[in-house]
Every structure is written in C-alpha cells, then in structure tokens.
Amino acid sequence: TAPHAMSYKLSSLYSAPHGHAVAVCMPKV
C-alpha cells in the first residue's frame, strides 16, 4: 500500500534501506 509506494524514491534519494524508508512513511500514512 501507500507506505511502500512512497518508499522507493526515499530509498534511492537518501540512501535509506527499503525497510527503513517504509517504516518512516508508515506512521504518517
């Protein structure tokens, strides 16, 4: 869902591991 959809560019732009990027999106969504 949305946290994953939002995570991909966060991972590449900020060199964040995928799970980390999903995790920081999760509470907002």
PDB file of all heavy atoms in Angstrom:
ATOM      1  N   THR A   1       0.838  -1.202   0.000  1.00  0.00           N
ATOM      2  CA  THR A   1       0.000   0.000   0.000  1.00  0.00           C
ATOM      3  C   THR A   1       0.876   1.256   0.000  1.00  0.00           C
ATOM      4  O   THR A   1       2.029   1.212  -0.382  1.00  0.00           O
ATOM      5  CB  THR A   1      -0.948  -0.023   1.216  1.00  0.00           C
ATOM      6  OG1 THR A   1      -0.157  -0.117   2.402  1.00  0.00           O
ATOM      7  CG2 THR A   1      -1.922  -1.190   1.151  1.00  0.00           C
ATOM      8  N   ALA A   2       0.321   2.354   0.439  1.00  0.00           N
ATOM      9  CA  ALA A   2       0.972   3.665   0.326  1.00  0.00           C
ATOM     10  C   ALA A   2       2.378   3.745   0.938  1.00  0.00           C
ATOM     11  O   ALA A   2       3.265   4.312   0.304  1.00  0.00           O
ATOM     12  CB  ALA A   2       0.078   4.757   0.909  1.00  0.00           C
ATOM     13  N   PRO A   3       2.628   3.232   2.139  1.00  0.00           N
ATOM     14  CA  PRO A   3       3.991   3.363   2.661  1.00  0.00           C
ATOM     15  C   PRO A   3       5.046   2.766   1.720  1.00  0.00           C
ATOM     16  O   PRO A   3       6.120   3.334   1.546  1.00  0.00           O
ATOM     17  CB  PRO A   3       3.945   2.628   3.995  1.00  0.00           C
ATOM     18  CG  PRO A   3       2.524   2.770   4.430  1.00  0.00           C
ATOM     19  CD  PRO A   3       1.727   2.649   3.147  1.00  0.00           C
ATOM     20  N   HIS A   4       4.722   1.628   1.097  1.00  0.00           N
ATOM     21  CA  HIS A   4       5.644   1.058   0.118  1.00  0.00           C
ATOM     22  C   HIS A   4       5.708   1.925  -1.131  1.00  0.00           C
ATOM     23  O   HIS A   4       6.784   2.172  -1.670  1.00  0.00           O
ATOM     24  CB  HIS A   4       5.218  -0.364  -0.278  1.00  0.00           C
ATOM     25  CG  HIS A   4       5.780  -1.417   0.589  1.00  0.00           C
ATOM     26  ND1 HIS A   4       5.162  -1.843   1.727  1.00  0.00           N
ATOM     27  CD2 HIS A   4       6.922  -2.138   0.484  1.00  0.00           C
ATOM     28  CE1 HIS A   4       5.889  -2.784   2.288  1.00  0.00           C
ATOM     29  NE2 HIS A   4       6.965  -2.977   1.561  1.00  0.00           N
ATOM     30  N   ALA A   5       4.568   2.370  -1.602  1.00  0.00           N
ATOM     31  CA  ALA A   5       4.527   3.192  -2.813  1.00  0.00           C
ATOM     32  C   ALA A   5       5.363   4.454  -2.648  1.00  0.00           C
ATOM     33  O   ALA A   5       5.975   4.928  -3.601  1.00  0.00           O
ATOM     34  CB  ALA A   5       3.079   3.559  -3.151  1.00  0.00           C
ATOM     35  N   MET A   6       5.397   4.974  -1.441  1.00  0.00           N
ATOM     36  CA  MET A   6       6.130   6.208  -1.164  1.00  0.00           C
ATOM     37  C   MET A   6       7.608   5.964  -0.858  1.00  0.00           C
ATOM     38  O   MET A   6       8.396   6.903  -0.845  1.00  0.00           O
ATOM     39  CB  MET A   6       5.482   6.923   0.020  1.00  0.00           C
ATOM     40  CG  MET A   6       4.060   7.386  -0.247  1.00  0.00           C
ATOM     41  SD  MET A   6       3.246   8.006   1.248  1.00  0.00           S
ATOM     42  CE  MET A   6       4.206   9.498   1.551  1.00  0.00           C
ATOM     43  N   SER A   7       7.995   4.736  -0.609  1.00  0.00           N
ATOM     44  CA  SER A   7       9.323   4.456  -0.076  1.00  0.00           C
ATOM     45  C   SER A   7      10.432   4.375  -1.115  1.00  0.00           C
ATOM     46  O   SER A   7      11.595   4.619  -0.788  1.00  0.00           O
ATOM     47  CB  SER A   7       9.299   3.140   0.698  1.00  0.00           C
ATOM     48  OG  SER A   7       9.165   2.041  -0.201  1.00  0.00           O
ATOM     49  N   TYR A   8      10.114   4.039  -2.334  1.00  0.00           N
ATOM     50  CA  TYR A   8      11.165   3.714  -3.298  1.00  0.00           C
ATOM     51  C   TYR A   8      12.121   4.878  -3.563  1.00  0.00           C
ATOM     52  O   TYR A   8      13.343   4.706  -3.529  1.00  0.00           O
ATOM     53  CB  TYR A   8      10.553   3.189  -4.602  1.00  0.00           C
ATOM     54  CG  TYR A   8       9.723   1.948  -4.365  1.00  0.00           C
ATOM     55  CD1 TYR A   8       8.340   1.971  -4.468  1.00  0.00           C
ATOM     56  CD2 TYR A   8      10.332   0.756  -3.991  1.00  0.00           C
ATOM     57  CE1 TYR A   8       7.579   0.838  -4.226  1.00  0.00           C
ATOM     58  CE2 TYR A   8       9.580  -0.384  -3.738  1.00  0.00           C
ATOM     59  CZ  TYR A   8       8.205  -0.335  -3.858  1.00  0.00           C
ATOM     60  OH  TYR A   8       7.459  -1.451  -3.604  1.00  0.00           O
ATOM     61  N   LYS A   9      11.598   6.058  -3.819  1.00  0.00           N
ATOM     62  CA  LYS A   9      12.466   7.209  -4.088  1.00  0.00           C
ATOM     63  C   LYS A   9      13.167   7.658  -2.811  1.00  0.00           C
ATOM     64  O   LYS A   9      14.303   8.129  -2.859  1.00  0.00           O
ATOM     65  CB  LYS A   9      11.672   8.354  -4.709  1.00  0.00           C
ATOM     66  CG  LYS A   9      12.530   9.508  -5.186  1.00  0.00           C
ATOM     67  CD  LYS A   9      13.677   9.067  -6.082  1.00  0.00           C
ATOM     68  CE  LYS A   9      13.438   9.303  -7.521  1.00  0.00           C
ATOM     69  NZ  LYS A   9      14.608   8.920  -8.347  1.00  0.00           N
ATOM     70  N   LEU A  10      12.511   7.498  -1.654  1.00  0.00           N
ATOM     71  CA  LEU A  10      13.201   7.801  -0.391  1.00  0.00           C
ATOM     72  C   LEU A  10      14.457   6.949  -0.256  1.00  0.00           C
ATOM     73  O   LEU A  10      15.509   7.428   0.166  1.00  0.00           O
ATOM     74  CB  LEU A  10      12.286   7.546   0.815  1.00  0.00           C
ATOM     75  CG  LEU A  10      11.196   8.556   1.101  1.00  0.00           C
ATOM     76  CD1 LEU A  10      10.286   8.035   2.212  1.00  0.00           C
ATOM     77  CD2 LEU A  10      11.780   9.898   1.486  1.00  0.00           C
ATOM     78  N   SER A  11      14.330   5.672  -0.629  1.00  0.00           N
ATOM     79  CA  SER A  11      15.482   4.766  -0.548  1.00  0.00           C
ATOM     80  C   SER A  11      16.614   5.229  -1.447  1.00  0.00           C
ATOM     81  O   SER A  11      17.759   5.302  -1.021  1.00  0.00           O
ATOM     82  CB  SER A  11      15.078   3.339  -0.929  1.00  0.00           C
ATOM     83  OG  SER A  11      14.269   2.776   0.059  1.00  0.00           O
ATOM     84  N   SER A  12      16.285   5.540  -2.679  1.00  0.00           N
ATOM     85  CA  SER A  12      17.358   5.891  -3.617  1.00  0.00           C
ATOM     86  C   SER A  12      17.892   7.303  -3.380  1.00  0.00           C
ATOM     87  O   SER A  12      19.098   7.532  -3.449  1.00  0.00           O
ATOM     88  CB  SER A  12      16.887   5.731  -5.066  1.00  0.00           C
ATOM     89  OG  SER A  12      15.840   6.617  -5.367  1.00  0.00           O
ATOM     90  N   LEU A  13      17.030   8.246  -3.074  1.00  0.00           N
ATOM     91  CA  LEU A  13      17.454   9.640  -2.916  1.00  0.00           C
ATOM     92  C   LEU A  13      18.284   9.858  -1.651  1.00  0.00           C
ATOM     93  O   LEU A  13      19.219  10.646  -1.638  1.00  0.00           O
ATOM     94  CB  LEU A  13      16.223  10.549  -2.906  1.00  0.00           C
ATOM     95  CG  LEU A  13      16.436  12.045  -3.005  1.00  0.00           C
ATOM     96  CD1 LEU A  13      17.158  12.417  -4.294  1.00  0.00           C
ATOM     97  CD2 LEU A  13      15.087  12.763  -2.950  1.00  0.00           C
ATOM     98  N   TYR A  14      17.934   9.148  -0.570  1.00  0.00           N
ATOM     99  CA  TYR A  14      18.600   9.362   0.715  1.00  0.00           C
ATOM    100  C   TYR A  14      19.427   8.160   1.174  1.00  0.00           C
ATOM    101  O   TYR A  14      19.819   8.081   2.339  1.00  0.00           O
ATOM    102  CB  TYR A  14      17.570   9.722   1.790  1.00  0.00           C
ATOM    103  CG  TYR A  14      16.769  10.943   1.439  1.00  0.00           C
ATOM    104  CD1 TYR A  14      15.426  10.844   1.117  1.00  0.00           C
ATOM    105  CD2 TYR A  14      17.369  12.199   1.390  1.00  0.00           C
ATOM    106  CE1 TYR A  14      14.689  11.970   0.774  1.00  0.00           C
ATOM    107  CE2 TYR A  14      16.639  13.326   1.041  1.00  0.00           C
ATOM    108  CZ  TYR A  14      15.305  13.199   0.740  1.00  0.00           C
ATOM    109  OH  TYR A  14      14.576  14.309   0.387  1.00  0.00           O
ATOM    110  N   SER A  15      19.638   7.222   0.286  1.00  0.00           N
ATOM    111  CA  SER A  15      20.413   6.009   0.611  1.00  0.00           C
ATOM    112  C   SER A  15      19.885   5.305   1.855  1.00  0.00           C
ATOM    113  O   SER A  15      20.648   4.868   2.716  1.00  0.00           O
ATOM    114  CB  SER A  15      21.904   6.349   0.791  1.00  0.00           C
ATOM    115  OG  SER A  15      22.422   6.910  -0.392  1.00  0.00           O
ATOM    116  N   ALA A  16      18.586   5.224   1.936  1.00  0.00           N
ATOM    117  CA  ALA A  16      17.936   4.564   3.075  1.00  0.00           C
ATOM    118  C   ALA A  16      17.557   3.136   2.685  1.00  0.00           C
ATOM    119  O   ALA A  16      17.017   2.922   1.598  1.00  0.00           O
ATOM    120  CB  ALA A  16      16.686   5.330   3.490  1.00  0.00           C
ATOM    121  N   PRO A  17      17.817   2.170   3.541  1.00  0.00           N
ATOM    122  CA  PRO A  17      17.351   0.810   3.253  1.00  0.00           C
ATOM    123  C   PRO A  17      15.836   0.805   3.036  1.00  0.00           C
ATOM    124  O   PRO A  17      15.106   1.620   3.621  1.00  0.00           O
ATOM    125  CB  PRO A  17      17.725   0.021   4.512  1.00  0.00           C
ATOM    126  CG  PRO A  17      18.814   0.819   5.153  1.00  0.00           C
ATOM    127  CD  PRO A  17      18.521   2.252   4.825  1.00  0.00           C
ATOM    128  N   HIS A  18      15.367  -0.108   2.206  1.00  0.00           N
ATOM    129  CA  HIS A  18      13.942  -0.139   1.854  1.00  0.00           C
ATOM    130  C   HIS A  18      13.047  -0.216   3.094  1.00  0.00           C
ATOM    131  O   HIS A  18      12.087   0.542   3.221  1.00  0.00           O
ATOM    132  CB  HIS A  18      13.656  -1.319   0.915  1.00  0.00           C
ATOM    133  CG  HIS A  18      12.219  -1.484   0.596  1.00  0.00           C
ATOM    134  ND1 HIS A  18      11.501  -0.548  -0.122  1.00  0.00           N
ATOM    135  CD2 HIS A  18      11.347  -2.466   0.905  1.00  0.00           C
ATOM    136  CE1 HIS A  18      10.253  -0.954  -0.241  1.00  0.00           C
ATOM    137  NE2 HIS A  18      10.133  -2.116   0.374  1.00  0.00           N
ATOM    138  N   GLY A  19      13.368  -1.109   4.016  1.00  0.00           N
ATOM    139  CA  GLY A  19      12.539  -1.247   5.214  1.00  0.00           C
ATOM    140  C   GLY A  19      12.512   0.017   6.051  1.00  0.00           C
ATOM    141  O   GLY A  19      11.491   0.375   6.635  1.00  0.00           O
ATOM    142  N   HIS A  20      13.628   0.706   6.113  1.00  0.00           N
ATOM    143  CA  HIS A  20      13.723   1.981   6.827  1.00  0.00           C
ATOM    144  C   HIS A  20      12.800   3.005   6.170  1.00  0.00           C
ATOM    145  O   HIS A  20      12.040   3.703   6.856  1.00  0.00           O
ATOM    146  CB  HIS A  20      15.178   2.454   6.795  1.00  0.00           C
ATOM    147  CG  HIS A  20      15.437   3.740   7.502  1.00  0.00           C
ATOM    148  ND1 HIS A  20      16.428   3.864   8.438  1.00  0.00           N
ATOM    149  CD2 HIS A  20      14.862   4.962   7.419  1.00  0.00           C
ATOM    150  CE1 HIS A  20      16.442   5.108   8.904  1.00  0.00           C
ATOM    151  NE2 HIS A  20      15.508   5.786   8.279  1.00  0.00           N
ATOM    152  N   ALA A  21      12.849   3.091   4.839  1.00  0.00           N
ATOM    153  CA  ALA A  21      12.008   4.049   4.119  1.00  0.00           C
ATOM    154  C   ALA A  21      10.523   3.752   4.317  1.00  0.00           C
ATOM    155  O   ALA A  21       9.713   4.667   4.531  1.00  0.00           O
ATOM    156  CB  ALA A  21      12.371   4.052   2.635  1.00  0.00           C
ATOM    157  N   VAL A  22      10.155   2.485   4.272  1.00  0.00           N
ATOM    158  CA  VAL A  22       8.758   2.115   4.513  1.00  0.00           C
ATOM    159  C   VAL A  22       8.367   2.484   5.944  1.00  0.00           C
ATOM    160  O   VAL A  22       7.293   3.052   6.187  1.00  0.00           O
ATOM    161  CB  VAL A  22       8.519   0.607   4.266  1.00  0.00           C
ATOM    162  CG1 VAL A  22       7.101   0.214   4.672  1.00  0.00           C
ATOM    163  CG2 VAL A  22       8.767   0.251   2.805  1.00  0.00           C
ATOM    164  N   ALA A  23       9.239   2.184   6.892  1.00  0.00           N
ATOM    165  CA  ALA A  23       8.944   2.427   8.307  1.00  0.00           C
ATOM    166  C   ALA A  23       8.704   3.901   8.601  1.00  0.00           C
ATOM    167  O   ALA A  23       7.804   4.234   9.385  1.00  0.00           O
ATOM    168  CB  ALA A  23      10.072   1.889   9.182  1.00  0.00           C
ATOM    169  N   VAL A  24       9.479   4.809   7.998  1.00  0.00           N
ATOM    170  CA  VAL A  24       9.276   6.229   8.295  1.00  0.00           C
ATOM    171  C   VAL A  24       8.028   6.777   7.612  1.00  0.00           C
ATOM    172  O   VAL A  24       7.457   7.776   8.063  1.00  0.00           O
ATOM    173  CB  VAL A  24      10.517   7.099   7.967  1.00  0.00           C
ATOM    174  CG1 VAL A  24      11.704   6.675   8.820  1.00  0.00           C
ATOM    175  CG2 VAL A  24      10.855   7.111   6.494  1.00  0.00           C
ATOM    176  N   CYS A  25       7.584   6.115   6.554  1.00  0.00           N
ATOM    177  CA  CYS A  25       6.324   6.522   5.902  1.00  0.00           C
ATOM    178  C   CYS A  25       5.103   6.022   6.679  1.00  0.00           C
ATOM    179  O   CYS A  25       4.051   6.670   6.688  1.00  0.00           O
ATOM    180  CB  CYS A  25       6.260   5.976   4.474  1.00  0.00           C
ATOM    181  SG  CYS A  25       7.438   6.716   3.334  1.00  0.00           S
ATOM    182  N   MET A  26       5.250   4.874   7.295  1.00  0.00           N
ATOM    183  CA  MET A  26       4.115   4.193   7.917  1.00  0.00           C
ATOM    184  C   MET A  26       3.313   5.050   8.898  1.00  0.00           C
ATOM    185  O   MET A  26       2.087   5.132   8.767  1.00  0.00           O
ATOM    186  CB  MET A  26       4.607   2.903   8.582  1.00  0.00           C
ATOM    187  CG  MET A  26       3.522   2.039   9.099  1.00  0.00           C
ATOM    188  SD  MET A  26       2.564   1.396   7.725  1.00  0.00           S
ATOM    189  CE  MET A  26       1.466   0.335   8.601  1.00  0.00           C
ATOM    190  N   PRO A  27       3.929   5.700   9.883  1.00  0.00           N
ATOM    191  CA  PRO A  27       3.105   6.442  10.850  1.00  0.00           C
ATOM    192  C   PRO A  27       2.319   7.595  10.209  1.00  0.00           C
ATOM    193  O   PRO A  27       1.187   7.859  10.606  1.00  0.00           O
ATOM    194  CB  PRO A  27       4.110   6.991  11.866  1.00  0.00           C
ATOM    195  CG  PRO A  27       5.372   6.267  11.639  1.00  0.00           C
ATOM    196  CD  PRO A  27       5.341   5.714  10.261  1.00  0.00           C
ATOM    197  N   LYS A  28       2.910   8.246   9.220  1.00  0.00           N
ATOM    198  CA  LYS A  28       2.212   9.365   8.562  1.00  0.00           C
ATOM    199  C   LYS A  28       0.996   8.867   7.804  1.00  0.00           C
ATOM    200  O   LYS A  28      -0.092   9.433   7.906  1.00  0.00           O
ATOM    201  CB  LYS A  28       3.145  10.112   7.604  1.00  0.00           C
ATOM    202  CG  LYS A  28       4.382  10.676   8.242  1.00  0.00           C
ATOM    203  CD  LYS A  28       4.082  11.698   9.293  1.00  0.00           C
ATOM    204  CE  LYS A  28       5.388  12.246   9.858  1.00  0.00           C
ATOM    205  NZ  LYS A  28       5.234  12.825  11.158  1.00  0.00           N
ATOM    206  N   VAL A  29       1.179   7.792   7.055  1.00  0.00           N
ATOM    207  CA  VAL A  29       0.066   7.229   6.281  1.00  0.00           C
ATOM    208  C   VAL A  29      -0.989   6.661   7.222  1.00  0.00           C
ATOM    209  O   VAL A  29      -2.190   6.889   7.050  1.00  0.00           O
ATOM    210  CB  VAL A  29       0.568   6.154   5.302  1.00  0.00           C
ATOM    211  CG1 VAL A  29      -0.600   5.448   4.619  1.00  0.00           C
ATOM    212  CG2 VAL A  29       1.512   6.768   4.273  1.00  0.00           C
TER     213      VAL A  29
END
